[in-house]
Amino acid sequence: MQRNAQTYIFLFLLLLLPALEVIAQTDSAYAARLFKRYDAGVAQNRVIEDVLTLSLSVKAKERANVAVKVCSREPLLFALATAGADPFHIAKLLTGGYGYTTERVIFLRSEDCLSEKEPSRPATEIWTIPEGASLPSHVETLKANKVKLVSLGKDRPIEG
């Protein structure tokens, strides 16, 4: 009888362990995280390498969504067009080769992260966002499928 009781207690504890693991996890495990920041302009090859690194080094569940955050006092659309690292190029890379839909790429604007090196040029940040996590601090937001950049030159338009 005592052996049966010990077996039941052991089985109960064994079943309880996964629940305790979930309870022990902090909210930071499911929080948005800064992956990369560009204070000034950046070469396209650098951005390509960084997006590849994001897809290889960050677990899929931690990067269910990606935010491209522009640090500027200007309105979001103007900030996107004048950012040091082209947010539309970043979005095109994510949606063109790394399996993201334009619904999962989000453009943000924030005033709390202005560049100290070049305050007149908006800094650009790439954030990974797990499913269900809150977005990083921002004052404006727009999904990539709601905006596109139309070039006035010879280049074809870059769609978000």
C-alpha atoms as a PDB file:
ATOM      1  CA  MET A   1       0.000   0.000   0.000  1.00  0.00           C
ATOM      2  CA  GLN A   2       2.794   2.395   0.928  1.00  0.00           C
ATOM      3  CA  ARG A   3       4.582   1.560  -2.317  1.00  0.00           C
ATOM      4  CA  ASN A   4       1.432   2.439  -4.313  1.00  0.00           C
ATOM      5  CA  ALA A   5       1.226   5.776  -2.521  1.00  0.00           C
ATOM      6  CA  GLN A   6       4.859   6.535  -3.346  1.00  0.00           C
ATOM      7  CA  THR A   7       4.236   5.620  -6.981  1.00  0.00           C
ATOM      8  CA  TYR A   8       1.231   7.936  -7.151  1.00  0.00           C
ATOM      9  CA  ILE A   9       3.163  10.783  -5.560  1.00  0.00           C
ATOM     10  CA  PHE A  10       6.021  10.233  -7.997  1.00  0.00           C
ATOM     11  CA  LEU A  11       3.631  10.226 -10.986  1.00  0.00           C
ATOM     12  CA  PHE A  12       1.893  13.341  -9.684  1.00  0.00           C
ATOM     13  CA  LEU A  13       5.196  15.194  -9.361  1.00  0.00           C
ATOM     14  CA  LEU A  14       6.254  13.995 -12.785  1.00  0.00           C
ATOM     15  CA  LEU A  15       3.073  15.416 -14.302  1.00  0.00           C
ATOM     16  CA  LEU A  16       3.447  18.640 -12.329  1.00  0.00           C
ATOM     17  CA  LEU A  17       6.985  19.418 -13.557  1.00  0.00           C
ATOM     18  CA  PRO A  18       5.990  20.757 -17.018  1.00  0.00           C
ATOM     19  CA  ALA A  19       3.382  22.997 -15.397  1.00  0.00           C
ATOM     20  CA  LEU A  20       5.980  24.381 -12.991  1.00  0.00           C
ATOM     21  CA  GLU A  21       8.302  25.113 -15.916  1.00  0.00           C
ATOM     22  CA  VAL A  22       5.623  27.199 -17.622  1.00  0.00           C
ATOM     23  CA  ILE A  23       4.874  29.059 -14.394  1.00  0.00           C
ATOM     24  CA  ALA A  24       8.581  29.686 -13.796  1.00  0.00           C
ATOM     25  CA  GLN A  25       9.069  31.321 -17.182  1.00  0.00           C
ATOM     26  CA  THR A  26       9.105  35.065 -17.015  1.00  0.00           C
ATOM     27  CA  ASP A  27       7.341  37.450 -19.352  1.00  0.00           C
ATOM     28  CA  SER A  28      10.759  38.377 -20.768  1.00  0.00           C
ATOM     29  CA  ALA A  29      10.804  35.032 -22.578  1.00  0.00           C
ATOM     30  CA  TYR A  30       7.833  36.282 -24.584  1.00  0.00           C
ATOM     31  CA  ALA A  31       8.863  39.921 -24.919  1.00  0.00           C
ATOM     32  CA  ALA A  32       9.910  41.752 -28.053  1.00  0.00           C
ATOM     33  CA  ARG A  33      13.690  42.003 -28.359  1.00  0.00           C
ATOM     34  CA  LEU A  34      15.962  44.389 -30.191  1.00  0.00           C
ATOM     35  CA  PHE A  35      17.911  42.417 -32.785  1.00  0.00           C
ATOM     36  CA  LYS A  36      19.834  45.137 -34.641  1.00  0.00           C
ATOM     37  CA  ARG A  37      20.157  48.929 -34.636  1.00  0.00           C
ATOM     38  CA  TYR A  38      21.494  51.125 -37.435  1.00  0.00           C
ATOM     39  CA  ASP A  39      22.277  54.681 -36.310  1.00  0.00           C
ATOM     40  CA  ALA A  40      23.351  55.874 -39.741  1.00  0.00           C
ATOM     41  CA  GLY A  41      23.194  54.606 -43.280  1.00  0.00           C
ATOM     42  CA  VAL A  42      24.092  50.988 -43.877  1.00  0.00           C
ATOM     43  CA  ALA A  43      25.188  48.999 -46.923  1.00  0.00           C
ATOM     44  CA  GLN A  44      22.588  46.692 -48.437  1.00  0.00           C
ATOM     45  CA  ASN A  45      24.917  43.703 -48.042  1.00  0.00           C
ATOM     46  CA  ARG A  46      25.138  44.346 -44.293  1.00  0.00           C
ATOM     47  CA  VAL A  47      21.335  44.321 -44.042  1.00  0.00           C
ATOM     48  CA  ILE A  48      21.130  41.117 -46.099  1.00  0.00           C
ATOM     49  CA  GLU A  49      23.621  39.430 -43.745  1.00  0.00           C
ATOM     50  CA  ASP A  50      21.762  40.677 -40.670  1.00  0.00           C
ATOM     51  CA  VAL A  51      18.404  39.371 -41.923  1.00  0.00           C
ATOM     52  CA  LEU A  52      20.023  36.018 -42.682  1.00  0.00           C
ATOM     53  CA  THR A  53      21.543  35.974 -39.192  1.00  0.00           C
ATOM     54  CA  LEU A  54      18.119  36.770 -37.717  1.00  0.00           C
ATOM     55  CA  SER A  55      16.573  33.806 -39.518  1.00  0.00           C
ATOM     56  CA  LEU A  56      19.369  31.419 -38.479  1.00  0.00           C
ATOM     57  CA  SER A  57      20.176  32.494 -34.927  1.00  0.00           C
ATOM     58  CA  VAL A  58      16.797  33.433 -33.439  1.00  0.00           C
ATOM     59  CA  LYS A  59      14.335  30.636 -32.659  1.00  0.00           C
ATOM     60  CA  ALA A  60      11.255  30.664 -34.902  1.00  0.00           C
ATOM     61  CA  LYS A  61       8.829  31.110 -32.003  1.00  0.00           C
ATOM     62  CA  GLU A  62      10.790  34.173 -30.820  1.00  0.00           C
ATOM     63  CA  ARG A  63      10.518  35.844 -34.233  1.00  0.00           C
ATOM     64  CA  ALA A  64       6.929  35.125 -35.262  1.00  0.00           C
ATOM     65  CA  ASN A  65       6.675  38.808 -36.203  1.00  0.00           C
ATOM     66  CA  VAL A  66       9.351  41.349 -37.025  1.00  0.00           C
ATOM     67  CA  ALA A  67       9.107  45.075 -36.390  1.00  0.00           C
ATOM     68  CA  VAL A  68      11.178  47.649 -38.236  1.00  0.00           C
ATOM     69  CA  LYS A  69      11.255  50.608 -35.877  1.00  0.00           C
ATOM     70  CA  VAL A  70      12.246  54.065 -37.060  1.00  0.00           C
ATOM     71  CA  CYS A  71      13.431  56.493 -34.384  1.00  0.00           C
ATOM     72  CA  SER A  72      12.186  59.914 -35.422  1.00  0.00           C
ATOM     73  CA  ARG A  73      10.071  62.901 -34.404  1.00  0.00           C
ATOM     74  CA  GLU A  74       8.668  63.113 -37.938  1.00  0.00           C
ATOM     75  CA  PRO A  75       5.417  61.345 -38.956  1.00  0.00           C
ATOM     76  CA  LEU A  76       5.791  57.636 -39.725  1.00  0.00           C
ATOM     77  CA  LEU A  77       5.553  57.849 -43.520  1.00  0.00           C
ATOM     78  CA  PHE A  78       8.177  60.592 -43.723  1.00  0.00           C
ATOM     79  CA  ALA A  79      10.404  58.772 -41.230  1.00  0.00           C
ATOM     80  CA  LEU A  80      10.196  55.543 -43.278  1.00  0.00           C
ATOM     81  CA  ALA A  81      11.301  57.371 -46.423  1.00  0.00           C
ATOM     82  CA  THR A  82      14.234  59.126 -44.734  1.00  0.00           C
ATOM     83  CA  ALA A  83      15.532  56.429 -42.373  1.00  0.00           C
ATOM     84  CA  GLY A  84      19.251  55.640 -42.337  1.00  0.00           C
ATOM     85  CA  ALA A  85      18.659  51.960 -43.130  1.00  0.00           C
ATOM     86  CA  ASP A  86      15.841  51.504 -45.647  1.00  0.00           C
ATOM     87  CA  PRO A  87      12.866  49.914 -43.833  1.00  0.00           C
ATOM     88  CA  PHE A  88      11.279  48.951 -47.159  1.00  0.00           C
ATOM     89  CA  HIS A  89      14.418  47.058 -48.196  1.00  0.00           C
ATOM     90  CA  ILE A  90      14.417  45.229 -44.859  1.00  0.00           C
ATOM     91  CA  ALA A  91      10.725  44.351 -45.287  1.00  0.00           C
ATOM     92  CA  LYS A  92      11.346  43.182 -48.857  1.00  0.00           C
ATOM     93  CA  LEU A  93      14.136  40.878 -47.667  1.00  0.00           C
ATOM     94  CA  LEU A  94      11.974  39.423 -44.908  1.00  0.00           C
ATOM     95  CA  THR A  95       8.966  38.827 -47.163  1.00  0.00           C
ATOM     96  CA  GLY A  96      10.891  37.846 -50.272  1.00  0.00           C
ATOM     97  CA  GLY A  97      13.140  35.136 -48.962  1.00  0.00           C
ATOM     98  CA  TYR A  98      12.548  34.376 -45.309  1.00  0.00           C
ATOM     99  CA  GLY A  99       8.911  33.314 -45.216  1.00  0.00           C
ATOM    100  CA  TYR A 100       7.343  36.359 -43.605  1.00  0.00           C
ATOM    101  CA  THR A 101       4.049  37.688 -44.911  1.00  0.00           C
ATOM    102  CA  THR A 102       3.528  41.429 -45.080  1.00  0.00           C
ATOM    103  CA  GLU A 103       1.049  40.964 -42.205  1.00  0.00           C
ATOM    104  CA  ARG A 104       3.924  39.820 -39.948  1.00  0.00           C
ATOM    105  CA  VAL A 105       6.262  42.715 -40.769  1.00  0.00           C
ATOM    106  CA  ILE A 106       5.336  45.845 -38.839  1.00  0.00           C
ATOM    107  CA  PHE A 107       6.663  49.386 -39.223  1.00  0.00           C
ATOM    108  CA  LEU A 108       6.878  51.424 -36.014  1.00  0.00           C
ATOM    109  CA  ARG A 109       7.884  54.967 -35.177  1.00  0.00           C
ATOM    110  CA  SER A 110       9.183  56.013 -31.804  1.00  0.00           C
ATOM    111  CA  GLU A 111      10.643  59.173 -30.321  1.00  0.00           C
ATOM    112  CA  ASP A 112      12.355  57.541 -27.340  1.00  0.00           C
ATOM    113  CA  CYS A 113      15.266  56.051 -29.302  1.00  0.00           C
ATOM    114  CA  LEU A 114      16.643  58.975 -31.321  1.00  0.00           C
ATOM    115  CA  SER A 115      20.188  58.598 -32.576  1.00  0.00           C
ATOM    116  CA  GLU A 116      22.879  60.375 -30.590  1.00  0.00           C
ATOM    117  CA  LYS A 117      25.335  60.132 -33.494  1.00  0.00           C
ATOM    118  CA  GLU A 118      23.084  61.688 -36.147  1.00  0.00           C
ATOM    119  CA  PRO A 119      19.951  63.174 -34.554  1.00  0.00           C
ATOM    120  CA  SER A 120      18.766  64.558 -37.913  1.00  0.00           C
ATOM    121  CA  ARG A 121      18.750  61.111 -39.555  1.00  0.00           C
ATOM    122  CA  PRO A 122      16.275  58.547 -38.200  1.00  0.00           C
ATOM    123  CA  ALA A 123      17.881  55.441 -36.731  1.00  0.00           C
ATOM    124  CA  THR A 124      16.411  52.095 -37.771  1.00  0.00           C
ATOM    125  CA  GLU A 125      15.951  49.091 -35.492  1.00  0.00           C
ATOM    126  CA  ILE A 126      14.916  45.501 -36.193  1.00  0.00           C
ATOM    127  CA  TRP A 127      12.893  43.853 -33.417  1.00  0.00           C
ATOM    128  CA  THR A 128      11.856  40.218 -33.054  1.00  0.00           C
ATOM    129  CA  ILE A 129       8.389  39.709 -31.624  1.00  0.00           C
ATOM    130  CA  PRO A 130       7.087  36.357 -30.366  1.00  0.00           C
ATOM    131  CA  GLU A 131       3.445  35.464 -31.031  1.00  0.00           C
ATOM    132  CA  GLY A 132       1.239  37.251 -28.512  1.00  0.00           C
ATOM    133  CA  ALA A 133       3.982  39.583 -27.253  1.00  0.00           C
ATOM    134  CA  SER A 134       3.524  43.331 -27.006  1.00  0.00           C
ATOM    135  CA  LEU A 135       5.151  45.585 -29.564  1.00  0.00           C
ATOM    136  CA  PRO A 136       8.170  47.654 -28.511  1.00  0.00           C
ATOM    137  CA  SER A 137       7.421  51.223 -27.422  1.00  0.00           C
ATOM    138  CA  HIS A 138       6.061  53.310 -30.300  1.00  0.00           C
ATOM    139  CA  VAL A 139       3.823  56.248 -31.164  1.00  0.00           C
ATOM    140  CA  GLU A 140       2.739  55.060 -34.633  1.00  0.00           C
ATOM    141  CA  THR A 141       2.392  51.659 -36.246  1.00  0.00           C
ATOM    142  CA  LEU A 142       1.622  50.342 -39.712  1.00  0.00           C
ATOM    143  CA  LYS A 143       1.751  46.827 -41.146  1.00  0.00           C
ATOM    144  CA  ALA A 144       3.947  46.399 -44.197  1.00  0.00           C
ATOM    145  CA  ASN A 145       0.963  45.432 -46.349  1.00  0.00           C
ATOM    146  CA  LYS A 146      -0.590  48.877 -45.819  1.00  0.00           C
ATOM    147  CA  VAL A 147       2.217  51.002 -47.269  1.00  0.00           C
ATOM    148  CA  LYS A 148       4.575  51.034 -50.238  1.00  0.00           C
ATOM    149  CA  LEU A 149       7.368  53.298 -51.376  1.00  0.00           C
ATOM    150  CA  VAL A 150       7.024  54.594 -54.926  1.00  0.00           C
ATOM    151  CA  SER A 151      10.285  55.664 -56.499  1.00  0.00           C
ATOM    152  CA  LEU A 152      10.251  58.848 -58.545  1.00  0.00           C
ATOM    153  CA  GLY A 153      13.365  57.779 -60.434  1.00  0.00           C
ATOM    154  CA  LYS A 154      14.180  54.931 -62.803  1.00  0.00           C
ATOM    155  CA  ASP A 155      13.993  52.220 -60.158  1.00  0.00           C
ATOM    156  CA  ARG A 156      10.895  50.094 -59.821  1.00  0.00           C
ATOM    157  CA  PRO A 157       8.745  50.665 -56.721  1.00  0.00           C
ATOM    158  CA  ILE A 158       9.595  48.712 -53.593  1.00  0.00           C
ATOM    159  CA  GLU A 159       6.457  47.283 -52.056  1.00  0.00           C
ATOM    160  CA  GLY A 160       6.202  46.499 -48.350  1.00  0.00           C
END
